[in-house]
């Protein structure tokens, strides 16, 4: 079934502003100091979520294996997505965002594990 209208997106004001904001963000991140600060914020968000997951699953004490399975599954999916992004994207910013988030999440979980020892 070939739908001719399904391939073309309307140029609404919301669509135009979203694409313009994405372009502005790409220009903003092209500065090396802004890129480093943005990636540091992503790393800290991942660290916060890793610490949060470890604390909540430790307090509830019912979902430890399920929480660990979800986090390990997410990290494995991120690694597979990273391989795809490395070879198919020309821009490296999404790859760096994924890497920083993954590193922060893993570091937060490891730190929570060492707190329990």
Protein backbone atom coordinates (compact mmCIF):
# COMPACT_ATOMS: atom_id res chain seq x y z
CA UNK A 1 0.00 0.00 0.00
CA UNK A 2 1.68 3.17 -1.18
CA UNK A 3 0.54 6.33 0.55
CA UNK A 4 1.82 9.48 -1.15
CA UNK A 5 1.04 11.74 1.80
CA UNK A 6 2.84 9.58 4.37
CA UNK A 7 6.31 10.44 3.10
CA UNK A 8 5.99 14.22 3.26
CA UNK A 9 5.77 16.05 6.57
CA UNK A 10 3.82 19.28 6.72
CA UNK A 11 5.79 22.43 7.40
CA UNK A 12 3.94 23.57 10.47
CA UNK A 13 5.24 26.28 12.74
CA UNK A 14 6.04 23.70 15.43
CA UNK A 15 7.99 21.56 12.96
CA UNK A 16 9.94 24.58 11.69
CA UNK A 17 10.78 25.77 15.20
CA UNK A 18 11.87 22.31 16.27
CA UNK A 19 14.19 21.93 13.30
CA UNK A 20 15.52 25.47 13.82
CA UNK A 21 16.18 24.80 17.52
CA UNK A 22 18.03 21.60 16.62
CA UNK A 23 20.19 23.56 14.18
CA UNK A 24 20.82 26.26 16.79
CA UNK A 25 21.81 23.60 19.33
CA UNK A 26 24.26 22.07 16.85
CA UNK A 27 25.82 25.49 16.27
CA UNK A 28 25.93 26.15 20.02
CA UNK A 29 27.68 22.83 20.74
CA UNK A 30 30.27 23.38 18.02
CA UNK A 31 32.24 25.50 20.52
CA UNK A 32 34.68 23.11 22.29
CA UNK A 33 34.09 24.51 25.79
CA UNK A 34 30.33 24.30 25.41
CA UNK A 35 30.64 20.76 24.08
CA UNK A 36 32.75 19.72 27.06
CA UNK A 37 30.36 21.36 29.53
CA UNK A 38 27.34 19.75 27.85
CA UNK A 39 28.97 16.31 27.87
CA UNK A 40 29.93 16.80 31.53
CA UNK A 41 26.29 17.56 32.34
CA UNK A 42 25.24 14.39 30.51
CA UNK A 43 27.85 12.41 32.48
CA UNK A 44 26.52 13.82 35.76
CA UNK A 45 22.92 13.04 34.78
CA UNK A 46 23.94 9.44 34.08
CA UNK A 47 25.79 9.32 37.40
CA UNK A 48 22.72 10.69 39.19
CA UNK A 49 20.45 8.10 37.60
CA UNK A 50 22.90 5.30 38.41
CA UNK A 51 23.06 6.39 42.04
CA UNK A 52 19.29 6.78 42.12
CA UNK A 53 18.72 3.28 40.74
CA UNK A 54 21.14 1.75 43.24
CA UNK A 55 19.62 3.61 46.18
CA UNK A 56 16.01 2.88 45.30
CA UNK A 57 16.57 -0.78 44.53
CA UNK A 58 18.57 -1.11 47.76
CA UNK A 59 15.83 0.52 49.81
CA UNK A 60 13.05 -1.57 48.34
CA UNK A 61 15.15 -4.77 48.37
CA UNK A 62 12.62 -6.57 46.20
CA UNK A 63 13.68 -5.61 42.69
CA UNK A 64 17.46 -6.03 42.88
CA UNK A 65 17.78 -8.78 40.22
CA UNK A 66 15.20 -7.18 37.95
CA UNK A 67 16.81 -3.74 38.28
CA UNK A 68 20.23 -5.21 37.54
CA UNK A 69 18.83 -7.02 34.50
CA UNK A 70 17.26 -3.82 33.18
CA UNK A 71 20.46 -1.81 33.64
CA UNK A 72 22.68 -4.48 32.08
CA UNK A 73 20.21 -4.79 29.21
CA UNK A 74 20.25 -1.02 28.69
CA UNK A 75 24.05 -0.91 28.71
CA UNK A 76 24.23 -3.79 26.21
CA UNK A 77 21.70 -2.09 23.94
CA UNK A 78 23.67 1.14 24.20
CA UNK A 79 26.83 -0.70 23.14
CA UNK A 80 25.09 -2.19 20.12
CA UNK A 81 23.59 1.19 19.25
CA UNK A 82 27.04 2.75 19.63
CA UNK A 83 28.49 0.42 17.00
CA UNK A 84 25.69 1.35 14.61
CA UNK A 85 26.10 5.09 15.32
CA UNK A 86 29.87 4.93 14.87
CA UNK A 87 29.64 3.66 11.32
CA UNK A 88 26.50 5.43 10.09
CA UNK A 89 26.54 8.95 11.58
CA UNK A 90 28.79 11.66 10.26
CA UNK A 91 28.38 13.77 13.39
CA UNK A 92 29.91 12.41 16.58
CA UNK A 93 27.80 14.37 19.09
CA UNK A 94 25.05 11.72 19.51
CA UNK A 95 27.76 9.09 19.94
CA UNK A 96 29.50 11.15 22.62
CA UNK A 97 26.18 11.81 24.40
CA UNK A 98 25.43 8.08 24.50
CA UNK A 99 28.94 7.27 25.72
CA UNK A 100 28.89 9.87 28.48
CA UNK A 101 25.47 8.79 29.71
CA UNK A 102 26.51 5.13 29.71
CA UNK A 103 29.76 5.86 31.56
CA UNK A 104 27.96 7.99 34.15
CA UNK A 105 25.30 5.34 34.72
CA UNK A 106 27.88 2.59 35.16
CA UNK A 107 30.04 4.73 37.44
CA UNK A 108 27.06 5.61 39.64
CA UNK A 109 26.09 1.95 39.98
CA UNK A 110 29.65 0.88 40.76
CA UNK A 111 29.99 3.57 43.40
CA UNK A 112 26.76 2.42 45.05
CA UNK A 113 28.05 -1.15 45.00
CA UNK A 114 31.29 -0.14 46.71
CA UNK A 115 29.32 1.76 49.36
CA UNK A 116 27.68 -1.51 50.35
CA UNK A 117 31.02 -3.23 50.91
